[in-house]
C-alpha atoms as a PDB file:
ATOM      1  CA  MET A   1      37.105  67.205 -60.998  1.00  0.00           C
ATOM      2  CA  ASN A   2      38.290  63.831 -62.247  1.00  0.00           C
ATOM      3  CA  LYS A   3      36.876  60.365 -61.353  1.00  0.00           C
ATOM      4  CA  LYS A   4      39.772  59.503 -59.118  1.00  0.00           C
ATOM      5  CA  SER A   5      39.479  62.577 -57.449  1.00  0.00           C
ATOM      6  CA  LEU A   6      35.571  62.060 -56.392  1.00  0.00           C
ATOM      7  CA  ILE A   7      36.206  58.322 -55.668  1.00  0.00           C
ATOM      8  CA  ALA A   8      39.127  59.594 -52.761  1.00  0.00           C
ATOM      9  CA  LEU A   9      36.807  62.335 -51.950  1.00  0.00           C
ATOM     10  CA  ALA A  10      33.879  59.759 -51.239  1.00  0.00           C
ATOM     11  CA  ALA A  11      36.070  57.706 -49.027  1.00  0.00           C
ATOM     12  CA  SER A  12      37.459  60.718 -47.260  1.00  0.00           C
ATOM     13  CA  LEU A  13      33.880  61.865 -46.042  1.00  0.00           C
ATOM     14  CA  ALA A  14      32.933  58.104 -45.613  1.00  0.00           C
ATOM     15  CA  SER A  15      35.803  57.552 -43.161  1.00  0.00           C
ATOM     16  CA  GLY A  16      35.390  61.319 -41.270  1.00  0.00           C
ATOM     17  CA  LEU A  17      31.845  60.034 -40.539  1.00  0.00           C
ATOM     18  CA  ALA A  18      32.708  56.592 -39.467  1.00  0.00           C
ATOM     19  CA  LEU A  19      35.436  58.026 -37.029  1.00  0.00           C
ATOM     20  CA  SER A  20      32.743  60.596 -35.840  1.00  0.00           C
ATOM     21  CA  PHE A  21      30.304  58.250 -35.351  1.00  0.00           C
ATOM     22  CA  GLY A  22      32.760  55.484 -33.533  1.00  0.00           C
ATOM     23  CA  ALA A  23      33.739  58.787 -31.403  1.00  0.00           C
ATOM     24  CA  THR A  24      30.032  59.058 -30.417  1.00  0.00           C
ATOM     25  CA  ILE A  25      29.208  55.794 -29.341  1.00  0.00           C
ATOM     26  CA  LEU A  26      32.436  55.967 -27.464  1.00  0.00           C
ATOM     27  CA  THR A  27      31.310  59.143 -25.976  1.00  0.00           C
ATOM     28  CA  THR A  28      27.731  57.835 -25.280  1.00  0.00           C
ATOM     29  CA  ALA A  29      28.989  54.421 -23.867  1.00  0.00           C
ATOM     30  CA  ALA A  30      30.966  56.548 -21.383  1.00  0.00           C
ATOM     31  CA  GLN A  31      28.708  58.939 -20.069  1.00  0.00           C
ATOM     32  CA  ALA A  32      25.919  55.666 -19.729  1.00  0.00           C
ATOM     33  CA  ALA A  33      28.306  53.282 -17.596  1.00  0.00           C
ATOM     34  CA  PRO A  34      27.831  54.009 -14.048  1.00  0.00           C
ATOM     35  CA  THR A  35      30.549  54.832 -11.500  1.00  0.00           C
ATOM     36  CA  ASN A  36      31.435  52.551  -9.312  1.00  0.00           C
ATOM     37  CA  ILE A  37      32.570  53.403  -5.524  1.00  0.00           C
ATOM     38  CA  VAL A  38      34.392  50.955  -3.088  1.00  0.00           C
ATOM     39  CA  VAL A  39      33.229  51.350   0.046  1.00  0.00           C
ATOM     40  CA  GLY A  40      34.411  49.908   3.647  1.00  0.00           C
ATOM     41  CA  ALA A  41      32.645  48.319   5.932  1.00  0.00           C
ATOM     42  CA  ASP A  42      33.358  46.898   9.189  1.00  0.00           C
ATOM     43  CA  THR A  43      31.178  43.335   9.499  1.00  0.00           C
ATOM     44  CA  THR A  44      30.842  42.898  12.871  1.00  0.00           C
ATOM     45  CA  PHE A  45      28.147  45.288  13.681  1.00  0.00           C
ATOM     46  CA  PRO A  46      24.812  44.076  13.687  1.00  0.00           C
ATOM     47  CA  PRO A  47      22.375  44.543  12.520  1.00  0.00           C
ATOM     48  CA  PHE A  48      24.172  47.754  10.066  1.00  0.00           C
ATOM     49  CA  GLU A  49      26.825  45.100   8.589  1.00  0.00           C
ATOM     50  CA  THR A  50      27.603  41.112   9.592  1.00  0.00           C
ATOM     51  CA  GLU A  51      29.014  38.858   7.569  1.00  0.00           C
ATOM     52  CA  THR A  52      27.497  35.312   6.671  1.00  0.00           C
ATOM     53  CA  ASN A  53      29.211  32.204   4.488  1.00  0.00           C
ATOM     54  CA  GLY A  54      31.052  35.761   2.940  1.00  0.00           C
ATOM     55  CA  GLU A  55      27.937  37.529   1.913  1.00  0.00           C
ATOM     56  CA  VAL A  56      28.001  41.023   4.031  1.00  0.00           C
ATOM     57  CA  THR A  57      24.633  42.135   4.742  1.00  0.00           C
ATOM     58  CA  GLY A  58      22.779  44.861   7.040  1.00  0.00           C
ATOM     59  CA  PHE A  59      21.132  48.219   7.541  1.00  0.00           C
ATOM     60  CA  ASP A  60      24.235  50.087   5.977  1.00  0.00           C
ATOM     61  CA  ILE A  61      24.804  47.694   3.274  1.00  0.00           C
ATOM     62  CA  ASP A  62      21.817  47.988   1.969  1.00  0.00           C
ATOM     63  CA  MET A  63      21.211  52.080   2.765  1.00  0.00           C
ATOM     64  CA  ILE A  64      24.633  52.330   0.588  1.00  0.00           C
ATOM     65  CA  LYS A  65      23.624  50.406  -2.626  1.00  0.00           C
ATOM     66  CA  ALA A  66      20.265  51.928  -2.530  1.00  0.00           C
ATOM     67  CA  ILE A  67      21.721  54.976  -2.469  1.00  0.00           C
ATOM     68  CA  ALA A  68      24.170  54.444  -5.217  1.00  0.00           C
ATOM     69  CA  LYS A  69      21.633  53.001  -7.332  1.00  0.00           C
ATOM     70  CA  GLU A  70      20.048  56.164  -7.206  1.00  0.00           C
ATOM     71  CA  GLU A  71      23.097  58.252  -8.307  1.00  0.00           C
ATOM     72  CA  ASP A  72      23.881  55.624 -11.232  1.00  0.00           C
ATOM     73  CA  MET A  73      26.854  54.544  -9.233  1.00  0.00           C
ATOM     74  CA  THR A  74      27.937  50.642  -8.632  1.00  0.00           C
ATOM     75  CA  VAL A  75      29.652  49.228  -4.964  1.00  0.00           C
ATOM     76  CA  SER A  76      32.158  47.204  -4.605  1.00  0.00           C
ATOM     77  CA  LEU A  77      32.645  46.543  -0.844  1.00  0.00           C
ATOM     78  CA  LYS A  78      35.407  46.085   0.931  1.00  0.00           C
ATOM     79  CA  THR A  79      35.852  44.800   4.348  1.00  0.00           C
ATOM     80  CA  LEU A  80      37.986  45.797   7.183  1.00  0.00           C
ATOM     81  CA  PRO A  81      38.478  46.332  10.945  1.00  0.00           C
ATOM     82  CA  PHE A  82      36.664  49.483  12.493  1.00  0.00           C
ATOM     83  CA  ASN A  83      39.895  51.149  13.396  1.00  0.00           C
ATOM     84  CA  GLY A  84      41.545  50.496   9.610  1.00  0.00           C
ATOM     85  CA  ILE A  85      38.395  52.897   8.415  1.00  0.00           C
ATOM     86  CA  ILE A  86      40.414  56.507   8.588  1.00  0.00           C
ATOM     87  CA  PRO A  87      43.512  55.673   7.951  1.00  0.00           C
ATOM     88  CA  SER A  88      42.269  53.645   4.509  1.00  0.00           C
ATOM     89  CA  LEU A  89      40.153  56.507   3.483  1.00  0.00           C
ATOM     90  CA  GLN A  90      43.196  58.930   4.044  1.00  0.00           C
ATOM     91  CA  ALA A  91      45.389  56.591   1.477  1.00  0.00           C
ATOM     92  CA  GLY A  92      42.456  56.486  -0.954  1.00  0.00           C
ATOM     93  CA  SER A  93      42.297  52.673  -0.862  1.00  0.00           C
ATOM     94  CA  ILE A  94      38.568  53.177  -0.329  1.00  0.00           C
ATOM     95  CA  ASP A  95      36.153  56.184  -1.043  1.00  0.00           C
ATOM     96  CA  ALA A  96      33.459  55.913   1.499  1.00  0.00           C
ATOM     97  CA  ALA A  97      32.773  53.483   4.569  1.00  0.00           C
ATOM     98  CA  VAL A  98      29.388  52.513   6.445  1.00  0.00           C
ATOM     99  CA  ALA A  99      29.920  51.485  10.079  1.00  0.00           C
ATOM    100  CA  GLY A 100      27.775  52.890  12.345  1.00  0.00           C
ATOM    101  CA  ILE A 101      30.365  55.810  11.914  1.00  0.00           C
ATOM    102  CA  THR A 102      29.790  58.382  14.646  1.00  0.00           C
ATOM    103  CA  ILE A 103      30.067  61.819  13.220  1.00  0.00           C
ATOM    104  CA  LYS A 104      32.491  63.361  15.507  1.00  0.00           C
ATOM    105  CA  SER A 105      34.483  66.514  15.549  1.00  0.00           C
ATOM    106  CA  SER A 106      37.764  65.056  15.632  1.00  0.00           C
ATOM    107  CA  ARG A 107      37.145  62.501  12.732  1.00  0.00           C
ATOM    108  CA  MET A 108      36.159  65.527  10.481  1.00  0.00           C
ATOM    109  CA  LYS A 109      39.304  66.671  10.407  1.00  0.00           C
ATOM    110  CA  ASN A 110      40.454  63.471   8.494  1.00  0.00           C
ATOM    111  CA  VAL A 111      37.317  62.785   6.696  1.00  0.00           C
ATOM    112  CA  ASP A 112      34.329  64.017   5.218  1.00  0.00           C
ATOM    113  CA  PHE A 113      30.566  63.265   6.217  1.00  0.00           C
ATOM    114  CA  SER A 114      27.455  62.539   4.544  1.00  0.00           C
ATOM    115  CA  ASP A 115      24.421  63.753   5.884  1.00  0.00           C
ATOM    116  CA  ALA A 116      23.613  61.935   9.001  1.00  0.00           C
ATOM    117  CA  TYR A 117      21.199  58.956   8.529  1.00  0.00           C
ATOM    118  CA  TYR A 118      21.060  57.414  11.949  1.00  0.00           C
ATOM    119  CA  LYS A 119      20.540  58.995  15.358  1.00  0.00           C
ATOM    120  CA  SER A 120      21.892  56.896  18.015  1.00  0.00           C
ATOM    121  CA  GLY A 121      23.669  56.651  21.764  1.00  0.00           C
ATOM    122  CA  LEU A 122      25.505  54.663  23.891  1.00  0.00           C
ATOM    123  CA  SER A 123      23.637  52.766  26.918  1.00  0.00           C
ATOM    124  CA  ILE A 124      24.988  49.875  29.470  1.00  0.00           C
ATOM    125  CA  LEU A 125      24.038  46.167  28.742  1.00  0.00           C
ATOM    126  CA  VAL A 126      24.306  43.688  31.727  1.00  0.00           C
ATOM    127  CA  LYS A 127      23.364  40.902  32.548  1.00  0.00           C
ATOM    128  CA  GLU A 128      19.543  39.998  33.867  1.00  0.00           C
ATOM    129  CA  ASP A 129      20.590  39.594  37.168  1.00  0.00           C
ATOM    130  CA  SER A 130      23.016  42.762  37.302  1.00  0.00           C
ATOM    131  CA  LYS A 131      22.489  45.077  40.409  1.00  0.00           C
ATOM    132  CA  ILE A 132      24.285  47.812  38.475  1.00  0.00           C
ATOM    133  CA  LYS A 133      21.374  50.482  37.614  1.00  0.00           C
ATOM    134  CA  GLY A 134      23.178  53.077  35.654  1.00  0.00           C
ATOM    135  CA  PHE A 135      27.106  54.803  34.753  1.00  0.00           C
ATOM    136  CA  ASP A 136      27.386  55.886  38.017  1.00  0.00           C
ATOM    137  CA  ASP A 137      27.133  52.482  39.682  1.00  0.00           C
ATOM    138  CA  LEU A 138      30.108  50.921  37.492  1.00  0.00           C
ATOM    139  CA  SER A 139      32.743  52.035  39.710  1.00  0.00           C
ATOM    140  CA  GLY A 140      34.960  48.858  40.491  1.00  0.00           C
ATOM    141  CA  ASP A 141      33.795  46.898  37.639  1.00  0.00           C
ATOM    142  CA  VAL A 142      35.225  45.691  34.556  1.00  0.00           C
ATOM    143  CA  VAL A 143      33.378  47.348  30.990  1.00  0.00           C
ATOM    144  CA  ALA A 144      33.650  45.715  27.517  1.00  0.00           C
ATOM    145  CA  THR A 145      33.392  47.127  24.441  1.00  0.00           C
ATOM    146  CA  LYS A 146      34.616  47.764  20.990  1.00  0.00           C
ATOM    147  CA  LYS A 147      38.330  49.455  19.780  1.00  0.00           C
ATOM    148  CA  ALA A 148      38.553  52.638  18.546  1.00  0.00           C
ATOM    149  CA  THR A 149      34.542  53.735  19.505  1.00  0.00           C
ATOM    150  CA  SER A 150      33.087  56.701  20.933  1.00  0.00           C
ATOM    151  CA  SER A 151      32.022  54.244  23.626  1.00  0.00           C
ATOM    152  CA  VAL A 152      36.196  54.227  24.714  1.00  0.00           C
ATOM    153  CA  ASP A 153      36.246  57.638  24.148  1.00  0.00           C
ATOM    154  CA  TYR A 154      33.315  58.128  26.759  1.00  0.00           C
ATOM    155  CA  LEU A 155      35.117  55.768  29.702  1.00  0.00           C
ATOM    156  CA  THR A 156      38.316  57.874  29.161  1.00  0.00           C
ATOM    157  CA  ASP A 157      36.577  61.277  28.842  1.00  0.00           C
ATOM    158  CA  HIS A 158      34.611  60.214  32.391  1.00  0.00           C
ATOM    159  CA  LYS A 159      37.458  59.064  33.983  1.00  0.00           C
ATOM    160  CA  PHE A 160      37.123  55.538  33.811  1.00  0.00           C
ATOM    161  CA  LYS A 161      40.389  53.880  34.885  1.00  0.00           C
ATOM    162  CA  SER A 162      41.869  51.944  31.993  1.00  0.00           C
ATOM    163  CA  ASP A 163      42.766  49.004  33.876  1.00  0.00           C
ATOM    164  CA  TYR A 164      38.747  48.266  34.176  1.00  0.00           C
ATOM    165  CA  ILE A 165      38.196  48.860  30.508  1.00  0.00           C
ATOM    166  CA  LYS A 166      38.430  45.546  28.280  1.00  0.00           C
ATOM    167  CA  GLN A 167      38.944  46.935  24.237  1.00  0.00           C
ATOM    168  CA  PHE A 168      37.918  44.261  21.817  1.00  0.00           C
ATOM    169  CA  GLN A 169      38.395  43.932  17.999  1.00  0.00           C
ATOM    170  CA  SER A 170      34.977  43.288  17.458  1.00  0.00           C
ATOM    171  CA  ILE A 171      31.726  43.803  19.766  1.00  0.00           C
ATOM    172  CA  ASP A 172      30.804  39.959  19.618  1.00  0.00           C
ATOM    173  CA  ALA A 173      33.817  39.304  21.888  1.00  0.00           C
ATOM    174  CA  ALA A 174      32.934  42.136  24.562  1.00  0.00           C
ATOM    175  CA  TYR A 175      29.447  40.470  24.643  1.00  0.00           C
ATOM    176  CA  GLN A 176      31.239  37.523  24.903  1.00  0.00           C
ATOM    177  CA  ALA A 177      33.020  38.845  27.862  1.00  0.00           C
ATOM    178  CA  LEU A 178      29.941  39.645  29.802  1.00  0.00           C
ATOM    179  CA  MET A 179      28.143  36.456  29.306  1.00  0.00           C
ATOM    180  CA  THR A 180      31.054  34.328  30.419  1.00  0.00           C
ATOM    181  CA  GLY A 181      31.841  36.836  33.129  1.00  0.00           C
ATOM    182  CA  GLY A 182      34.832  38.654  32.071  1.00  0.00           C
ATOM    183  CA  ALA A 183      32.960  42.219  31.785  1.00  0.00           C
ATOM    184  CA  ASP A 184      30.207  43.492  34.205  1.00  0.00           C
ATOM    185  CA  ALA A 185      28.920  45.728  31.308  1.00  0.00           C
ATOM    186  CA  VAL A 186      29.009  46.348  28.074  1.00  0.00           C
ATOM    187  CA  ILE A 187      28.722  50.220  26.966  1.00  0.00           C
ATOM    188  CA  PHE A 188      28.401  50.174  22.957  1.00  0.00           C
ATOM    189  CA  ASP A 189      26.168  51.992  20.740  1.00  0.00           C
ATOM    190  CA  ASN A 190      22.061  51.504  21.981  1.00  0.00           C
ATOM    191  CA  PRO A 191      20.456  49.699  18.768  1.00  0.00           C
ATOM    192  CA  VAL A 192      23.627  47.061  18.938  1.00  0.00           C
ATOM    193  CA  ASN A 193      22.944  46.476  22.129  1.00  0.00           C
ATOM    194  CA  ILE A 194      19.028  46.392  21.621  1.00  0.00           C
ATOM    195  CA  ASN A 195      19.690  43.790  18.894  1.00  0.00           C
ATOM    196  CA  PHE A 196      21.966  41.403  21.218  1.00  0.00           C
ATOM    197  CA  LYS A 197      19.569  41.494  24.062  1.00  0.00           C
ATOM    198  CA  THR A 198      16.673  40.593  21.263  1.00  0.00           C
ATOM    199  CA  GLN A 199      18.664  37.460  19.707  1.00  0.00           C
ATOM    200  CA  HIS A 200      20.132  36.328  23.324  1.00  0.00           C
ATOM    201  CA  GLY A 201      18.304  36.983  26.202  1.00  0.00           C
ATOM    202  CA  GLY A 202      19.993  37.308  29.506  1.00  0.00           C
ATOM    203  CA  VAL A 203      20.715  40.419  29.445  1.00  0.00           C
ATOM    204  CA  LYS A 204      18.954  44.001  29.954  1.00  0.00           C
ATOM    205  CA  THR A 205      19.410  47.668  29.068  1.00  0.00           C
ATOM    206  CA  VAL A 206      19.888  49.990  32.057  1.00  0.00           C
ATOM    207  CA  GLY A 207      19.902  53.469  32.950  1.00  0.00           C
ATOM    208  CA  PRO A 208      19.393  56.897  30.298  1.00  0.00           C
ATOM    209  CA  LEU A 209      21.160  56.386  27.049  1.00  0.00           C
ATOM    210  CA  LEU A 210      24.820  58.095  27.950  1.00  0.00           C
ATOM    211  CA  THR A 211      25.048  59.847  24.863  1.00  0.00           C
ATOM    212  CA  GLY A 212      23.043  61.485  21.825  1.00  0.00           C
ATOM    213  CA  GLU A 213      25.023  60.561  18.421  1.00  0.00           C
ATOM    214  CA  TYR A 214      24.477  60.293  14.572  1.00  0.00           C
ATOM    215  CA  TYR A 215      26.153  58.172  12.137  1.00  0.00           C
ATOM    216  CA  GLY A 216      27.069  59.111   8.880  1.00  0.00           C
ATOM    217  CA  ILE A 217      29.054  57.590   5.541  1.00  0.00           C
ATOM    218  CA  ALA A 218      32.839  58.587   6.018  1.00  0.00           C
ATOM    219  CA  VAL A 219      34.036  59.913   2.476  1.00  0.00           C
ATOM    220  CA  SER A 220      37.457  60.642   1.828  1.00  0.00           C
ATOM    221  CA  LYS A 221      38.518  64.325   1.796  1.00  0.00           C
ATOM    222  CA  LYS A 222      39.812  63.258  -2.020  1.00  0.00           C
ATOM    223  CA  LYS A 223      36.685  62.263  -3.203  1.00  0.00           C
ATOM    224  CA  PRO A 224      34.544  66.134  -2.041  1.00  0.00           C
ATOM    225  CA  ASP A 225      31.973  65.768  -5.321  1.00  0.00           C
ATOM    226  CA  LEU A 226      30.834  62.322  -3.938  1.00  0.00           C
ATOM    227  CA  VAL A 227      29.499  63.748  -0.532  1.00  0.00           C
ATOM    228  CA  ALA A 228      26.840  65.685  -2.667  1.00  0.00           C
ATOM    229  CA  LYS A 229      26.024  62.416  -4.401  1.00  0.00           C
ATOM    230  CA  LEU A 230      25.533  60.571  -1.612  1.00  0.00           C
ATOM    231  CA  ASN A 231      23.515  63.553   0.107  1.00  0.00           C
ATOM    232  CA  ASP A 232      21.298  63.246  -2.876  1.00  0.00           C
ATOM    233  CA  GLY A 233      20.338  60.106  -2.865  1.00  0.00           C
ATOM    234  CA  LEU A 234      20.217  59.647   0.387  1.00  0.00           C
ATOM    235  CA  ALA A 235      16.998  62.377   0.198  1.00  0.00           C
ATOM    236  CA  LYS A 236      15.373  60.828  -2.667  1.00  0.00           C
ATOM    237  CA  ILE A 237      15.335  57.282  -0.961  1.00  0.00           C
ATOM    238  CA  LYS A 238      14.101  59.221   2.046  1.00  0.00           C
ATOM    239  CA  LYS A 239      11.393  60.503  -0.305  1.00  0.00           C
ATOM    240  CA  SER A 240      10.476  57.199  -2.025  1.00  0.00           C
ATOM    241  CA  GLY A 241       9.992  55.280   1.129  1.00  0.00           C
ATOM    242  CA  GLU A 242      13.020  52.756   0.504  1.00  0.00           C
ATOM    243  CA  TYR A 243      14.820  54.379   3.852  1.00  0.00           C
ATOM    244  CA  LYS A 244      11.718  53.646   6.317  1.00  0.00           C
ATOM    245  CA  LYS A 245      11.253  50.043   4.654  1.00  0.00           C
ATOM    246  CA  LEU A 246      15.360  49.009   6.222  1.00  0.00           C
ATOM    247  CA  PHE A 247      14.203  50.672   9.332  1.00  0.00           C
ATOM    248  CA  GLU A 248      10.704  47.617   9.073  1.00  0.00           C
ATOM    249  CA  LYS A 249      13.409  45.117   8.260  1.00  0.00           C
ATOM    250  CA  TYR A 250      16.287  45.471  10.274  1.00  0.00           C
ATOM    251  CA  PHE A 251      15.050  47.419  13.504  1.00  0.00           C
ATOM    252  CA  GLY A 252      10.919  45.635  13.044  1.00  0.00           C
ATOM    253  CA  GLY A 253       9.718  48.745  11.950  1.00  0.00           C
ATOM    254  CA  ASP A 254      11.594  51.210  14.646  1.00  0.00           C
ATOM    255  CA  LEU A 255      11.770  54.508  13.968  1.00  0.00           C
ATOM    256  CA  SER A 256      13.146  55.856  16.880  1.00  0.00           C
ATOM    257  CA  GLY A 257      16.735  55.916  15.027  1.00  0.00           C
ATOM    258  CA  ALA A 258      15.487  57.331  12.131  1.00  0.00           C
ATOM    259  CA  VAL A 259      16.850  61.258  11.251  1.00  0.00           C
ATOM    260  CA  GLU A 260      13.213  63.035   9.596  1.00  0.00           C
ATOM    261  CA  GLY A 261      14.987  66.004   8.094  1.00  0.00           C
ATOM    262  CA  VAL A 262      18.681  67.063   6.845  1.00  0.00           C
ATOM    263  CA  GLU A 263      21.556  66.897   9.829  1.00  0.00           C
ATOM    264  CA  LYS A 264      24.594  68.385   8.805  1.00  0.00           C
ATOM    265  CA  PRO A 265      27.742  67.008  10.058  1.00  0.00           C
ATOM    266  CA  ALA A 266      29.364  70.240  11.065  1.00  0.00           C
ATOM    267  CA  ALA A 267      26.199  71.218  12.950  1.00  0.00           C
ATOM    268  CA  ILE A 268      25.184  67.782  14.378  1.00  0.00           C
ATOM    269  CA  ALA A 269      28.974  66.389  14.913  1.00  0.00           C
ATOM    270  CA  LEU A 270      30.154  65.028  18.308  1.00  0.00           C
ATOM    271  CA  LYS A 271      32.755  67.164  20.144  1.00  0.00           C
ATOM    272  CA  ASP A 272      35.751  65.623  21.771  1.00  0.00           C
END
């Protein structure tokens, strides 16, 4: 082999090594880059989600970020009304959603759910001087609540007349109706009712919980692998103690809503 051939061979080998090394760097970088998920949130559901001066915070927000961190994912939040969440998941404009979403059999036809992360139920909130003591006392009274929620389903399933149901885009508007005399009671998720009572006073919850239900992270059916990752991440933050820290931060350490074991959606879905 002559000198020119040796030079050409060396150049060829150098070029091949450079290409191989570059490809390795690109592959490694691609593997290292965390996956970003777009998460929808309705910010009118304190203490799970709320928005102040453009900043979205709450139990659900901290939780989904902690889960994502455990699974090497990042979160991009997209705020939207509660009744727009499932359509957005179906359209693929968001990957998952947190909004204190009750796991229901009807919803499972359209979206998937993570394992349950919070145990809740519906309660009745009235003004302090109200004579209402329970659901049976509400006949002829106006009940305020939030649109497209399980509280509306409960009222209609129990033959409550639609003329006596005031539905609002936000639960804050329902509470405002109660406080200003536009409604006699609010039926909504107990932790949210308790949060309002704690912050405002002049109101009380009456009667037993009307339902027992669980919240889950809703996931697009186009993202089956994401459900497994979210479940893994949820298990990890439970094991690390991060999950219980959220209850200390947002519920003063009250663990009544904590889900200790693994509750699969199919087993605990609210039938409707």
